[in-house]
Structures are given as structure tokens and as C-alpha cells.
Protein backbone atom coordinates (compact mmCIF):
# COMPACT_ATOMS: atom_id res chain seq x y z
CA MET A 1 18.48 53.09 -6.79
CA GLN A 2 19.87 53.78 -3.33
CA ALA A 3 16.40 53.54 -1.80
CA THR A 4 15.74 50.24 -3.58
CA ALA A 5 19.08 48.85 -2.41
CA ALA A 6 18.38 49.94 1.15
CA ILE A 7 14.97 48.26 1.11
CA ALA A 8 16.47 45.05 -0.31
CA ALA A 9 19.19 45.08 2.34
CA ALA A 10 16.62 45.60 5.09
CA GLN A 11 14.50 42.72 3.76
CA THR A 12 17.53 40.42 3.62
CA SER A 13 18.48 41.37 7.17
CA ALA A 14 14.93 40.74 8.41
CA SER A 15 14.86 37.38 6.63
CA THR A 16 18.17 36.36 8.22
CA ARG A 17 16.93 37.35 11.68
CA SER A 18 13.71 35.43 11.06
CA VAL A 19 15.59 32.26 10.12
CA SER A 20 17.96 32.53 13.08
CA GLN A 21 14.99 32.83 15.42
CA TRP A 22 13.94 29.30 14.42
CA ARG A 23 17.37 27.78 15.07
CA ASP A 24 16.38 26.25 18.44
CA LEU A 25 13.19 24.81 16.98
CA TYR A 26 15.19 23.23 14.14
CA ARG A 27 17.52 21.64 16.69
CA VAL A 28 14.61 20.36 18.78
CA GLY A 29 12.98 18.98 15.65
CA ALA A 30 16.19 17.21 14.61
CA ILE A 31 16.67 15.63 18.03
CA SER A 32 13.00 14.64 18.08
CA ALA A 33 13.30 12.96 14.68
CA LEU A 34 16.28 10.93 15.89
CA ALA A 35 14.44 10.06 19.11
CA TYR A 36 11.50 8.88 17.03
CA VAL A 37 13.72 6.54 15.03
CA ALA A 38 15.53 5.25 18.13
CA LEU A 39 12.30 4.47 20.00
CA VAL A 40 10.67 2.71 17.06
CA VAL A 41 13.79 0.61 16.45
CA ALA A 42 13.87 -0.27 20.15
CA ALA A 43 10.18 -1.26 19.99
CA ILE A 44 10.83 -3.47 16.96
CA VAL A 45 13.77 -5.16 18.70
CA LEU A 46 11.69 -5.78 21.82
CA ASP A 47 8.86 -7.22 19.72
CA SER A 48 11.32 -9.57 18.03
CA LEU A 49 12.51 -10.83 21.42
CA MET A 50 8.99 -11.57 22.61
CA PRO A 51 7.01 -14.62 21.47
CA SER A 52 4.80 -14.23 18.41
CA PRO A 53 1.52 -12.38 19.03
CA VAL A 54 -1.58 -14.47 19.62
CA THR A 55 -5.13 -13.93 18.42
CA GLY A 56 -8.39 -13.81 20.33
CA GLY A 57 -9.36 -11.92 23.45
CA ARG A 58 -8.69 -14.64 26.01
CA ALA A 59 -5.39 -15.74 24.46
CA THR A 60 -4.23 -12.10 24.23
CA LEU A 61 -4.95 -11.44 27.90
CA GLU A 62 -3.15 -14.63 28.89
CA PHE A 63 -0.21 -13.61 26.71
CA ILE A 64 -0.05 -10.17 28.37
CA THR A 65 -0.27 -11.72 31.83
CA ALA A 66 2.70 -13.96 31.02
CA HIS A 67 4.79 -11.08 29.62
CA GLY A 68 3.42 -8.18 31.68
CA SER A 69 6.49 -5.94 32.11
CA LEU A 70 7.82 -6.41 28.58
CA TYR A 71 4.37 -5.81 27.12
CA VAL A 72 3.93 -2.52 28.99
CA ILE A 73 7.43 -1.35 28.05
CA GLY A 74 6.67 -2.18 24.44
CA GLN A 75 3.47 -0.15 24.56
CA TYR A 76 5.36 2.93 25.75
CA LEU A 77 8.09 2.43 23.15
CA TRP A 78 5.45 2.41 20.40
CA LEU A 79 3.46 5.36 21.79
CA LEU A 80 6.19 7.81 22.89
CA PRO A 81 7.32 8.49 19.30
CA GLY A 82 4.03 10.34 18.89
CA VAL A 83 5.33 13.10 21.18
CA PHE A 84 8.44 13.52 19.03
CA GLY A 85 6.43 13.32 15.82
CA ILE A 86 4.47 16.40 16.89
CA LEU A 87 7.69 18.35 17.45
CA VAL A 88 9.13 17.28 14.09
CA PHE A 89 6.13 18.58 12.14
CA LEU A 90 6.11 21.75 14.22
CA ALA A 91 9.75 22.32 13.25
CA LEU A 92 8.99 21.70 9.58
CA PHE A 93 6.54 24.59 9.27
CA PRO A 94 9.08 27.46 9.28
CA VAL A 95 11.26 25.42 6.90
CA LEU A 96 8.49 24.95 4.35
CA ARG A 97 6.62 28.24 4.61
CA ALA A 98 8.90 30.05 2.14
CA ALA A 99 8.04 27.51 -0.57
CA SER A 100 4.29 27.47 0.10
CA PRO A 101 2.87 29.06 3.27
CA SER A 102 -0.58 27.54 2.79
CA TRP A 103 0.54 23.97 2.12
CA ALA A 104 3.25 24.25 4.76
CA ALA A 105 0.56 25.08 7.30
CA ILE A 106 -1.73 22.27 6.09
CA GLY A 107 1.00 19.64 6.05
CA SER A 108 2.45 20.63 9.41
CA LEU A 109 -0.96 20.84 11.06
CA LEU A 110 -2.09 17.46 9.70
CA GLY A 111 1.18 15.86 10.76
CA ALA A 112 1.15 17.26 14.29
CA ALA A 113 -2.55 16.42 14.69
CA SER A 114 -2.03 12.84 13.49
CA TRP A 115 0.64 12.13 16.08
CA ALA A 116 -1.37 13.88 18.78
CA LEU A 117 -4.28 11.56 17.98
CA THR A 118 -2.05 8.51 18.46
CA LEU A 119 -1.67 9.64 22.06
CA ALA A 120 -5.37 10.43 22.45
CA ILE A 121 -6.35 7.06 20.93
CA PRO A 122 -3.44 4.88 22.09
CA THR A 123 -3.16 1.72 20.00
CA THR A 124 -0.04 -0.13 18.86
CA SER A 125 0.99 -3.09 16.75
CA ARG A 126 0.66 -5.30 19.87
CA GLY A 127 -2.70 -3.96 20.95
CA ALA A 128 -3.18 -1.10 23.40
CA PRO A 129 -2.26 -0.08 26.96
CA ALA A 130 -5.88 -0.69 27.91
CA LEU A 131 -5.32 -4.40 27.23
CA ALA A 132 -2.72 -4.48 30.00
CA VAL A 133 -5.35 -3.19 32.43
CA LEU A 134 -7.84 -5.79 31.21
CA ALA A 135 -5.18 -8.48 31.64
CA GLU A 136 -4.74 -7.50 35.30
CA HIS A 137 -8.47 -7.79 35.92
CA PHE A 138 -8.58 -11.03 33.94
CA ALA A 139 -5.84 -12.57 36.08
CA ALA A 140 -7.54 -11.42 39.29
CA ALA A 141 -11.01 -12.68 38.27
CA SER A 142 -12.45 -15.28 40.63
CA SER A 143 -14.80 -16.98 38.19
CA GLU A 144 -14.98 -18.06 34.58
CA ALA A 145 -17.92 -15.70 34.01
CA GLU A 146 -15.83 -12.71 35.08
CA ARG A 147 -12.93 -13.80 32.87
CA ALA A 148 -15.33 -14.12 29.93
CA VAL A 149 -16.40 -10.49 30.40
CA PHE A 150 -12.81 -9.24 30.22
CA ALA A 151 -12.04 -11.52 27.28
CA THR A 152 -15.00 -10.07 25.38
CA ALA A 153 -13.85 -6.53 26.15
CA ALA A 154 -10.39 -7.47 24.84
CA GLU A 155 -11.94 -8.81 21.62
CA THR A 156 -13.64 -5.46 21.11
CA LEU A 157 -10.38 -3.54 21.56
CA ILE A 158 -8.50 -5.88 19.24
CA ALA A 159 -11.14 -5.48 16.53
CA GLN A 160 -10.92 -1.71 16.90
CA ASN A 161 -7.13 -1.82 16.59
CA ASN A 162 -7.36 -3.79 13.36
CA THR A 163 -9.41 -1.14 11.60
CA VAL A 164 -7.81 1.66 9.58
CA MET A 165 -7.34 4.45 12.11
CA LEU A 166 -7.63 8.16 11.31
CA PRO A 167 -4.19 9.10 12.75
CA GLY A 168 -2.44 6.76 10.33
CA VAL A 169 -4.29 8.19 7.33
CA LEU A 170 -3.54 11.77 8.39
CA SER A 171 0.15 11.08 8.97
CA THR A 172 0.67 9.60 5.50
CA ALA A 173 -1.21 12.51 3.92
CA ALA A 174 0.91 15.00 5.88
CA ILE A 175 4.20 13.39 4.83
CA LEU A 176 3.06 13.34 1.20
CA ILE A 177 2.15 17.04 1.34
CA VAL A 178 5.50 17.91 2.95
CA GLY A 179 7.35 15.95 0.28
CA LEU A 180 5.45 17.65 -2.54
CA VAL A 181 6.17 21.09 -1.09
CA MET A 182 9.87 20.22 -0.88
CA LEU A 183 9.88 19.12 -4.53
CA ARG A 184 9.17 22.71 -5.51
CA GLY A 185 12.85 23.36 -4.95
CA GLY A 186 15.24 24.71 -2.36
CA PHE A 187 15.27 21.53 -0.30
CA PRO A 188 17.49 18.43 -0.26
CA ARG A 189 16.26 16.23 -3.11
CA LEU A 190 16.64 13.05 -1.05
CA VAL A 191 14.35 14.31 1.71
CA ALA A 192 11.73 15.48 -0.79
CA ILE A 193 11.69 12.19 -2.74
CA LEU A 194 11.62 10.15 0.47
CA GLY A 195 8.65 12.19 1.66
CA VAL A 196 6.65 11.62 -1.52
CA ALA A 197 7.53 7.91 -1.62
CA THR A 198 6.70 7.44 2.06
CA GLY A 199 3.38 9.23 1.68
CA LEU A 200 2.33 7.27 -1.42
CA VAL A 201 3.37 3.88 -0.02
CA GLY A 202 1.73 4.82 3.28
CA VAL A 203 -1.59 5.54 1.62
CA ALA A 204 -1.38 2.26 -0.30
CA SER A 205 -0.44 0.30 2.82
CA LYS A 206 -3.45 1.67 4.69
CA ALA A 207 -5.80 0.80 1.84
CA LEU A 208 -4.29 -2.68 1.31
CA ARG A 209 -3.54 -3.45 4.94
CA PHE A 210 -5.18 -6.88 4.89
CA VAL A 211 -4.67 -7.66 1.19
CA LEU A 212 -0.96 -6.79 0.98
CA PRO A 213 0.58 -6.66 4.49
CA ALA A 214 4.10 -6.45 3.02
CA ALA A 215 3.30 -2.89 1.89
CA PHE A 216 2.95 -1.91 5.54
CA VAL A 217 6.47 -3.21 6.24
CA VAL A 218 7.87 -1.19 3.34
CA TYR A 219 6.01 1.87 4.61
CA GLY A 220 7.50 1.39 8.07
CA LEU A 221 11.05 1.26 6.68
CA LEU A 222 10.46 4.33 4.51
CA LEU A 223 8.99 6.17 7.49
CA LEU A 224 12.14 5.56 9.56
CA ALA A 225 14.33 6.63 6.63
CA TRP A 226 12.26 9.81 6.18
CA PHE A 227 12.52 10.79 9.84
CA ALA A 228 16.28 10.19 9.74
CA ALA A 229 16.58 12.34 6.61
CA VAL A 230 14.50 15.11 8.20
CA ALA A 231 16.76 14.97 11.28
CA TRP A 232 19.79 15.48 9.04
CA MET A 233 18.14 18.40 7.22
CA LEU A 234 17.08 20.13 10.44
CA PHE A 235 20.52 19.68 11.97
CA GLN A 236 22.02 21.30 8.87
CA LEU A 237 19.67 24.26 9.24
CA SER A 238 20.32 24.63 12.98
CA SER A 239 24.09 24.77 12.40
CA ASP A 240 24.02 26.93 9.27
CA ASP A 241 26.25 29.93 9.95
CA SER A 242 24.32 32.01 7.43
CA ALA A 243 21.04 31.43 9.33
């Protein structure tokens, strides 16, 4: 009996030390989740202050030329959240591993990879940073033939942006997996349900992007709510005196 009690006490002590070792990562993850929300909200506000987007390669380049600084700032506001998304999913792994080590690893890896890909393949709701470069060349072109070349290149980028991108699919799958792991118990119910709802609506919004664009708006709102809820959960863990 004494030996069993000693082993149990040692295991509890080791578990407590293990949790406390992740405290800084939890705090970084919480701050990153709030930064994600703040940047996306700022990007949405900036988009609302700018004129409505135009269509077509030439019109897009002319639009960017007329709103150069705001366009570039908007691109960074939409892309920088990817950095914080990586940190959030990294922080979620030690939280989830007790419930399901395998699925915690899969969900965290898919989530971090999806946001890393948004930086490797930078596209946003307003286009891409590469379009700003094309706009500079378009404005500096000395002939209509040269401008036509850059307009065609812009058309290609725009068409690419309007396709369903792998990072978006991976991110929704990762959030769904994280939510399902949390539903197993031991996690705030609100965060778990938000994760499942966000993942399911996200998958639907990707599949019905052109048929039901409103679903994408709902997904965006749920995504912000999920990141805010995750920030709250991670802050609770980082300040837990028992951790």
C-alpha cells in the first residue's frame, strides 16, 4: 500500500511539473490568439473603409495603384495572423495530449501547417501581395502592350486566389479535430462546441464558396469567436495556481 501510494504521489508530482513547464507556452498561445483576432478585425475595418473591390486584372491593378499604401497595409493585416495561428496550435498540443495524444498531434500539426502555408502561399480576400508588385510595374509601363502583360498576369493570380486553397481546408479540418478531442471531456464546453461548429461550417463554406457565400461570413465570425475562446482557455491554464 505504501509503495503504491508513493508511486501515485510521484506520478502526480511529475504531472504537475509537466503542466507547469508549459505555462509560458500557454501564455504565448493566449496572446497569439488575441493578436489573431485583433489583426483580423483591423483588416476587416480597413476593408470596409476602402472602396468596394473590383474585378478583372486591369481594373484590379488600377485599383491598387489608386490605393497603394492602404492596400499593402491590408495585405499585411490579413497575412500576419498566420504567424499567430501557428503559435496557437502549437500551444494547444500539450493541452490536448492528455485526452488523445494521437489526435492532439494530428490536429495541432494540421493547424500549424495550414497557417504556415498561408505565409508560403500568400493570398488574401483582396488578392495577394504579388498584385501590389504587378501594380507598380503596370503604372510604370510605357506602352499599352506592356500594361496588357501585367494585366494578364494579374488575371492569373486572381483566378488562383478564387480557387479553394489547401491551407483553408487544412485549417478547418484541424479546428474540427481539436473540437472533437475537447468534447471527450475535461475542457470548457463552450470552446469544444465552438471548435466543432467552426470546423463543420468551415468545411461547408469551402465546399459552397461560390454557391452560398454567406456561409463563409458565418465561418469567419465563428473563427474569431473560437480564437477568442481559446485565448480565454489558455490564459486560464497559464494562471492556474495548481499547474
